[in-house]
């Protein structure tokens, strides 16, 4: 199955979006005479366990902040325990603040598709439940269009043996997870889950995106 970062498809993806998408998709509107924070944009992704998602995106140049949390459900201010029941409708996800002058939303999407299996319904590896679903919460029409085009083309090219089940939905309230979930891998890399699940994923990610990593 062509899924583990599908390294041999990197060139295809880059060429696909350079030639098939309008140029303005890759650029944000210029914002003059505003403070730096107002120049940043937000991306929200769910790729399974948010500890994994957070650890990956934290390492990219242009990413200012990554927060682990919950979104997509109906219960306000849910606890981790409540989300784990699968009854809140929320997905574990990461909210990424990034500088579009350094890294584009398109590049973040490329990372998103490569760090998990988007054909698995409501699970990633041994993590099972709707809270671990693959999901993109778009924040504007530009993000929506790019995400939908990306998904469509990847399915058409049959990168994986199964169809992509990733949800692409409008962003909803994002509830920041408990403090002990934040910056989890960096503080607990010696824990068994981190050592056996996150570290191998990071090692593969860092090889593919070596030129995009913070120093």
C-alpha atoms as a PDB file:
ATOM      1  CA  UNK A   1       0.000   0.000   0.000  1.00  0.00           C
ATOM      2  CA  UNK A   2       1.343   3.390  -0.987  1.00  0.00           C
ATOM      3  CA  UNK A   3       0.811   5.202   2.256  1.00  0.00           C
ATOM      4  CA  UNK A   4       3.870   5.592   4.484  1.00  0.00           C
ATOM      5  CA  UNK A   5       4.711   9.155   3.474  1.00  0.00           C
ATOM      6  CA  UNK A   6       4.542   7.985  -0.210  1.00  0.00           C
ATOM      7  CA  UNK A   7       7.958   9.562  -0.709  1.00  0.00           C
ATOM      8  CA  UNK A   8       8.003   8.556  -4.349  1.00  0.00           C
ATOM      9  CA  UNK A   9       4.964  10.812  -4.938  1.00  0.00           C
ATOM     10  CA  UNK A  10       6.424  14.035  -3.538  1.00  0.00           C
ATOM     11  CA  UNK A  11       7.397  15.360  -6.957  1.00  0.00           C
ATOM     12  CA  UNK A  12       3.970  14.521  -8.374  1.00  0.00           C
ATOM     13  CA  UNK A  13       2.197  16.438  -5.616  1.00  0.00           C
ATOM     14  CA  UNK A  14       4.374  19.498  -5.949  1.00  0.00           C
ATOM     15  CA  UNK A  15       3.997  19.601  -9.736  1.00  0.00           C
ATOM     16  CA  UNK A  16       0.278  18.970  -9.499  1.00  0.00           C
ATOM     17  CA  UNK A  17      -0.360  22.029  -7.399  1.00  0.00           C
ATOM     18  CA  UNK A  18       2.080  24.273  -9.166  1.00  0.00           C
ATOM     19  CA  UNK A  19       0.304  23.729 -12.479  1.00  0.00           C
ATOM     20  CA  UNK A  20      -3.320  23.010 -11.642  1.00  0.00           C
ATOM     21  CA  UNK A  21      -4.091  25.557  -8.942  1.00  0.00           C
ATOM     22  CA  UNK A  22      -4.328  29.316  -9.324  1.00  0.00           C
ATOM     23  CA  UNK A  23      -1.163  31.050  -8.205  1.00  0.00           C
ATOM     24  CA  UNK A  24      -2.988  33.101  -5.624  1.00  0.00           C
ATOM     25  CA  UNK A  25      -3.889  29.939  -3.728  1.00  0.00           C
ATOM     26  CA  UNK A  26      -0.298  29.738  -2.534  1.00  0.00           C
ATOM     27  CA  UNK A  27      -0.097  33.310  -1.361  1.00  0.00           C
ATOM     28  CA  UNK A  28      -1.907  35.291   1.267  1.00  0.00           C
ATOM     29  CA  UNK A  29      -3.071  38.809   0.601  1.00  0.00           C
ATOM     30  CA  UNK A  30      -0.462  41.347   1.547  1.00  0.00           C
ATOM     31  CA  UNK A  31      -1.205  43.010   4.823  1.00  0.00           C
ATOM     32  CA  UNK A  32       0.499  46.337   5.339  1.00  0.00           C
ATOM     33  CA  UNK A  33       0.895  48.468   8.445  1.00  0.00           C
ATOM     34  CA  UNK A  34      -0.310  45.715  10.781  1.00  0.00           C
ATOM     35  CA  UNK A  35       1.503  44.013  13.628  1.00  0.00           C
ATOM     36  CA  UNK A  36       3.148  40.635  13.073  1.00  0.00           C
ATOM     37  CA  UNK A  37       0.439  38.616  14.781  1.00  0.00           C
ATOM     38  CA  UNK A  38      -2.189  39.849  12.334  1.00  0.00           C
ATOM     39  CA  UNK A  39      -0.083  38.522   9.473  1.00  0.00           C
ATOM     40  CA  UNK A  40      -0.317  34.961  10.736  1.00  0.00           C
ATOM     41  CA  UNK A  41      -2.906  32.428   9.600  1.00  0.00           C
ATOM     42  CA  UNK A  42      -4.517  29.368  11.164  1.00  0.00           C
ATOM     43  CA  UNK A  43      -4.742  25.762   9.991  1.00  0.00           C
ATOM     44  CA  UNK A  44      -6.557  23.020  11.892  1.00  0.00           C
ATOM     45  CA  UNK A  45      -5.922  19.334  11.218  1.00  0.00           C
ATOM     46  CA  UNK A  46      -6.847  16.014  12.787  1.00  0.00           C
ATOM     47  CA  UNK A  47      -4.560  13.079  11.967  1.00  0.00           C
ATOM     48  CA  UNK A  48      -5.275  10.761  14.875  1.00  0.00           C
ATOM     49  CA  UNK A  49      -3.573  11.291  18.222  1.00  0.00           C
ATOM     50  CA  UNK A  50      -2.854  15.005  18.646  1.00  0.00           C
ATOM     51  CA  UNK A  51       0.463  14.284  20.357  1.00  0.00           C
ATOM     52  CA  UNK A  52       1.754  13.037  16.993  1.00  0.00           C
ATOM     53  CA  UNK A  53       0.274  15.879  14.976  1.00  0.00           C
ATOM     54  CA  UNK A  54       1.646  18.521  17.311  1.00  0.00           C
ATOM     55  CA  UNK A  55       5.167  17.059  17.340  1.00  0.00           C
ATOM     56  CA  UNK A  56       5.374  17.076  13.549  1.00  0.00           C
ATOM     57  CA  UNK A  57       4.094  20.577  12.832  1.00  0.00           C
ATOM     58  CA  UNK A  58       6.117  22.136  15.659  1.00  0.00           C
ATOM     59  CA  UNK A  59       9.277  21.333  13.711  1.00  0.00           C
ATOM     60  CA  UNK A  60       8.410  23.228  10.536  1.00  0.00           C
ATOM     61  CA  UNK A  61       9.900  26.611   9.707  1.00  0.00           C
ATOM     62  CA  UNK A  62       7.170  29.211   9.603  1.00  0.00           C
ATOM     63  CA  UNK A  63       5.016  27.498  12.215  1.00  0.00           C
ATOM     64  CA  UNK A  64       4.629  29.903  15.119  1.00  0.00           C
ATOM     65  CA  UNK A  65       2.534  27.841  17.498  1.00  0.00           C
ATOM     66  CA  UNK A  66       0.759  24.482  17.691  1.00  0.00           C
ATOM     67  CA  UNK A  67      -2.025  23.835  20.185  1.00  0.00           C
ATOM     68  CA  UNK A  68      -3.596  20.456  20.852  1.00  0.00           C
ATOM     69  CA  UNK A  69      -7.336  20.431  21.317  1.00  0.00           C
ATOM     70  CA  UNK A  70     -10.773  19.245  20.310  1.00  0.00           C
ATOM     71  CA  UNK A  71     -13.125  20.345  17.554  1.00  0.00           C
ATOM     72  CA  UNK A  72     -15.991  19.211  15.366  1.00  0.00           C
ATOM     73  CA  UNK A  73     -18.334  18.080  18.123  1.00  0.00           C
ATOM     74  CA  UNK A  74     -21.389  19.314  19.962  1.00  0.00           C
ATOM     75  CA  UNK A  75     -20.213  19.387  23.576  1.00  0.00           C
ATOM     76  CA  UNK A  76     -18.698  22.698  24.751  1.00  0.00           C
ATOM     77  CA  UNK A  77     -15.422  22.653  26.688  1.00  0.00           C
ATOM     78  CA  UNK A  78     -15.057  18.857  26.671  1.00  0.00           C
ATOM     79  CA  UNK A  79     -12.570  17.028  28.846  1.00  0.00           C
ATOM     80  CA  UNK A  80     -10.116  14.505  27.442  1.00  0.00           C
ATOM     81  CA  UNK A  81     -12.015  11.737  29.207  1.00  0.00           C
ATOM     82  CA  UNK A  82     -15.284  12.818  27.597  1.00  0.00           C
ATOM     83  CA  UNK A  83     -13.736  12.979  24.116  1.00  0.00           C
ATOM     84  CA  UNK A  84     -12.301   9.491  24.583  1.00  0.00           C
ATOM     85  CA  UNK A  85     -15.801   8.066  24.974  1.00  0.00           C
ATOM     86  CA  UNK A  86     -16.494   8.976  21.352  1.00  0.00           C
ATOM     87  CA  UNK A  87     -19.811  10.525  22.338  1.00  0.00           C
ATOM     88  CA  UNK A  88     -18.913  14.222  22.088  1.00  0.00           C
ATOM     89  CA  UNK A  89     -18.440  14.243  18.318  1.00  0.00           C
ATOM     90  CA  UNK A  90     -15.086  15.963  18.738  1.00  0.00           C
ATOM     91  CA  UNK A  91     -11.872  14.979  17.013  1.00  0.00           C
ATOM     92  CA  UNK A  92      -8.446  15.315  18.529  1.00  0.00           C
ATOM     93  CA  UNK A  93      -6.744  17.936  16.417  1.00  0.00           C
ATOM     94  CA  UNK A  94      -4.001  20.528  16.278  1.00  0.00           C
ATOM     95  CA  UNK A  95      -4.512  24.220  15.639  1.00  0.00           C
ATOM     96  CA  UNK A  96      -1.482  25.602  13.837  1.00  0.00           C
ATOM     97  CA  UNK A  97      -0.556  29.260  13.730  1.00  0.00           C
ATOM     98  CA  UNK A  98       1.778  29.876  10.794  1.00  0.00           C
ATOM     99  CA  UNK A  99       3.451  32.644   8.837  1.00  0.00           C
ATOM    100  CA  UNK A 100       2.320  32.327   5.197  1.00  0.00           C
ATOM    101  CA  UNK A 101       5.373  34.279   4.072  1.00  0.00           C
ATOM    102  CA  UNK A 102       7.545  31.406   5.308  1.00  0.00           C
ATOM    103  CA  UNK A 103       5.365  28.339   4.763  1.00  0.00           C
ATOM    104  CA  UNK A 104       2.224  28.084   2.650  1.00  0.00           C
ATOM    105  CA  UNK A 105      -1.037  26.379   3.521  1.00  0.00           C
ATOM    106  CA  UNK A 106      -0.381  24.117   0.528  1.00  0.00           C
ATOM    107  CA  UNK A 107       2.848  22.913   2.123  1.00  0.00           C
ATOM    108  CA  UNK A 108       1.059  22.273   5.412  1.00  0.00           C
ATOM    109  CA  UNK A 109      -1.469  20.183   3.504  1.00  0.00           C
ATOM    110  CA  UNK A 110       1.322  18.203   1.903  1.00  0.00           C
ATOM    111  CA  UNK A 111       2.631  17.405   5.384  1.00  0.00           C
ATOM    112  CA  UNK A 112      -0.887  16.537   6.547  1.00  0.00           C
ATOM    113  CA  UNK A 113      -1.368  13.913   3.827  1.00  0.00           C
ATOM    114  CA  UNK A 114       2.041  12.368   4.473  1.00  0.00           C
ATOM    115  CA  UNK A 115       1.992  11.917   8.242  1.00  0.00           C
ATOM    116  CA  UNK A 116      -1.042   9.660   8.541  1.00  0.00           C
ATOM    117  CA  UNK A 117      -3.225   7.226   6.634  1.00  0.00           C
ATOM    118  CA  UNK A 118      -6.242   9.186   5.324  1.00  0.00           C
ATOM    119  CA  UNK A 119      -7.956   6.000   4.158  1.00  0.00           C
ATOM    120  CA  UNK A 120      -8.512   4.671   7.683  1.00  0.00           C
ATOM    121  CA  UNK A 121     -12.000   5.455   8.968  1.00  0.00           C
ATOM    122  CA  UNK A 122     -12.057   6.614  12.587  1.00  0.00           C
ATOM    123  CA  UNK A 123      -8.680   5.195  13.489  1.00  0.00           C
ATOM    124  CA  UNK A 124      -4.928   5.548  13.132  1.00  0.00           C
ATOM    125  CA  UNK A 125      -2.951   2.461  14.024  1.00  0.00           C
ATOM    126  CA  UNK A 126      -4.079   1.182  17.405  1.00  0.00           C
ATOM    127  CA  UNK A 127      -5.941   4.412  18.201  1.00  0.00           C
ATOM    128  CA  UNK A 128      -9.575   3.660  17.388  1.00  0.00           C
ATOM    129  CA  UNK A 129     -12.656   5.879  17.609  1.00  0.00           C
ATOM    130  CA  UNK A 130     -14.291   8.845  15.918  1.00  0.00           C
ATOM    131  CA  UNK A 131     -12.035  11.149  17.938  1.00  0.00           C
ATOM    132  CA  UNK A 132      -9.123   9.855  15.833  1.00  0.00           C
ATOM    133  CA  UNK A 133     -10.714  10.573  12.457  1.00  0.00           C
ATOM    134  CA  UNK A 134      -8.840  12.225   9.621  1.00  0.00           C
ATOM    135  CA  UNK A 135     -10.181  15.747   9.234  1.00  0.00           C
ATOM    136  CA  UNK A 136      -9.337  19.163   7.810  1.00  0.00           C
ATOM    137  CA  UNK A 137     -11.155  22.110   9.364  1.00  0.00           C
ATOM    138  CA  UNK A 138     -10.897  24.902   6.809  1.00  0.00           C
ATOM    139  CA  UNK A 139     -10.968  28.554   7.908  1.00  0.00           C
ATOM    140  CA  UNK A 140     -11.809  30.217   4.593  1.00  0.00           C
ATOM    141  CA  UNK A 141     -12.828  29.387   1.034  1.00  0.00           C
ATOM    142  CA  UNK A 142      -9.225  29.379  -0.151  1.00  0.00           C
ATOM    143  CA  UNK A 143      -8.321  26.618   2.306  1.00  0.00           C
ATOM    144  CA  UNK A 144     -11.470  24.690   1.410  1.00  0.00           C
ATOM    145  CA  UNK A 145     -10.764  24.794  -2.314  1.00  0.00           C
ATOM    146  CA  UNK A 146      -7.162  23.737  -1.950  1.00  0.00           C
ATOM    147  CA  UNK A 147      -7.981  20.878   0.437  1.00  0.00           C
ATOM    148  CA  UNK A 148     -10.801  19.564  -1.785  1.00  0.00           C
ATOM    149  CA  UNK A 149      -8.656  19.745  -4.930  1.00  0.00           C
ATOM    150  CA  UNK A 150      -5.788  17.993  -3.192  1.00  0.00           C
ATOM    151  CA  UNK A 151      -8.036  15.175  -1.978  1.00  0.00           C
ATOM    152  CA  UNK A 152      -9.675  14.781  -5.381  1.00  0.00           C
ATOM    153  CA  UNK A 153      -6.379  14.533  -7.230  1.00  0.00           C
ATOM    154  CA  UNK A 154      -4.832  12.123  -4.736  1.00  0.00           C
ATOM    155  CA  UNK A 155      -7.856   9.832  -5.051  1.00  0.00           C
ATOM    156  CA  UNK A 156      -7.733  10.059  -8.830  1.00  0.00           C
ATOM    157  CA  UNK A 157      -4.070   9.065  -8.848  1.00  0.00           C
ATOM    158  CA  UNK A 158      -4.835   6.137  -6.492  1.00  0.00           C
ATOM    159  CA  UNK A 159      -1.951   6.923  -4.159  1.00  0.00           C
ATOM    160  CA  UNK A 160      -3.497   4.454  -1.725  1.00  0.00           C
ATOM    161  CA  UNK A 161      -5.316   1.189  -2.378  1.00  0.00           C
ATOM    162  CA  UNK A 162      -8.428   2.516  -0.651  1.00  0.00           C
ATOM    163  CA  UNK A 163     -10.308   5.818  -1.114  1.00  0.00           C
ATOM    164  CA  UNK A 164      -9.535   8.761   1.143  1.00  0.00           C
ATOM    165  CA  UNK A 165     -12.044   9.215   3.968  1.00  0.00           C
ATOM    166  CA  UNK A 166     -10.700  12.529   5.259  1.00  0.00           C
ATOM    167  CA  UNK A 167     -13.462  14.962   6.219  1.00  0.00           C
ATOM    168  CA  UNK A 168     -13.146  18.522   4.922  1.00  0.00           C
ATOM    169  CA  UNK A 169     -15.447  20.713   6.979  1.00  0.00           C
ATOM    170  CA  UNK A 170     -15.779  24.318   8.037  1.00  0.00           C
ATOM    171  CA  UNK A 171     -13.927  25.171  11.216  1.00  0.00           C
ATOM    172  CA  UNK A 172     -15.935  25.120  14.389  1.00  0.00           C
ATOM    173  CA  UNK A 173     -15.185  26.072  17.969  1.00  0.00           C
ATOM    174  CA  UNK A 174     -11.739  24.838  18.954  1.00  0.00           C
ATOM    175  CA  UNK A 175     -11.304  23.843  22.578  1.00  0.00           C
ATOM    176  CA  UNK A 176      -7.730  23.760  23.802  1.00  0.00           C
ATOM    177  CA  UNK A 177      -6.887  20.501  25.527  1.00  0.00           C
ATOM    178  CA  UNK A 178      -5.664  20.209  29.081  1.00  0.00           C
ATOM    179  CA  UNK A 179      -2.212  21.622  29.868  1.00  0.00           C
ATOM    180  CA  UNK A 180      -0.599  18.217  30.195  1.00  0.00           C
ATOM    181  CA  UNK A 181      -1.364  17.507  26.528  1.00  0.00           C
ATOM    182  CA  UNK A 182       0.479  20.571  25.265  1.00  0.00           C
ATOM    183  CA  UNK A 183       4.025  20.149  23.930  1.00  0.00           C
ATOM    184  CA  UNK A 184       3.632  16.523  24.945  1.00  0.00           C
ATOM    185  CA  UNK A 185       6.295  14.787  22.894  1.00  0.00           C
ATOM    186  CA  UNK A 186       8.981  17.349  23.668  1.00  0.00           C
ATOM    187  CA  UNK A 187       8.427  16.816  27.367  1.00  0.00           C
ATOM    188  CA  UNK A 188       7.786  13.061  27.352  1.00  0.00           C
ATOM    189  CA  UNK A 189       9.796  11.604  24.479  1.00  0.00           C
ATOM    190  CA  UNK A 190      10.952   8.776  26.751  1.00  0.00           C
ATOM    191  CA  UNK A 191       7.402   7.515  27.338  1.00  0.00           C
ATOM    192  CA  UNK A 192       6.572   4.201  25.593  1.00  0.00           C
ATOM    193  CA  UNK A 193       3.921   5.681  23.249  1.00  0.00           C
ATOM    194  CA  UNK A 194       6.291   8.438  22.201  1.00  0.00           C
ATOM    195  CA  UNK A 195       9.241   6.075  21.701  1.00  0.00           C
ATOM    196  CA  UNK A 196       7.375   3.443  19.719  1.00  0.00           C
ATOM    197  CA  UNK A 197       4.825   5.536  17.793  1.00  0.00           C
ATOM    198  CA  UNK A 198       5.854   9.187  17.544  1.00  0.00           C
ATOM    199  CA  UNK A 199       9.645   8.949  17.284  1.00  0.00           C
ATOM    200  CA  UNK A 200       9.641   6.665  14.182  1.00  0.00           C
ATOM    201  CA  UNK A 201       7.064   8.938  12.530  1.00  0.00           C
ATOM    202  CA  UNK A 202       9.183  12.000  13.251  1.00  0.00           C
ATOM    203  CA  UNK A 203      12.314  10.359  11.885  1.00  0.00           C
ATOM    204  CA  UNK A 204      10.591   9.637   8.573  1.00  0.00           C
ATOM    205  CA  UNK A 205       9.053  13.086   8.451  1.00  0.00           C
ATOM    206  CA  UNK A 206      12.391  14.786   9.086  1.00  0.00           C
ATOM    207  CA  UNK A 207      14.033  12.932   6.220  1.00  0.00           C
ATOM    208  CA  UNK A 208      11.339  13.937   3.732  1.00  0.00           C
ATOM    209  CA  UNK A 209      11.086  17.564   4.875  1.00  0.00           C
ATOM    210  CA  UNK A 210      14.688  18.183   5.903  1.00  0.00           C
ATOM    211  CA  UNK A 211      14.845  21.537   4.111  1.00  0.00           C
ATOM    212  CA  UNK A 212      11.679  22.768   5.846  1.00  0.00           C
ATOM    213  CA  UNK A 213      12.734  22.100   9.433  1.00  0.00           C
ATOM    214  CA  UNK A 214      13.603  24.651  12.072  1.00  0.00           C
ATOM    215  CA  UNK A 215      17.253  24.646  13.061  1.00  0.00           C
END
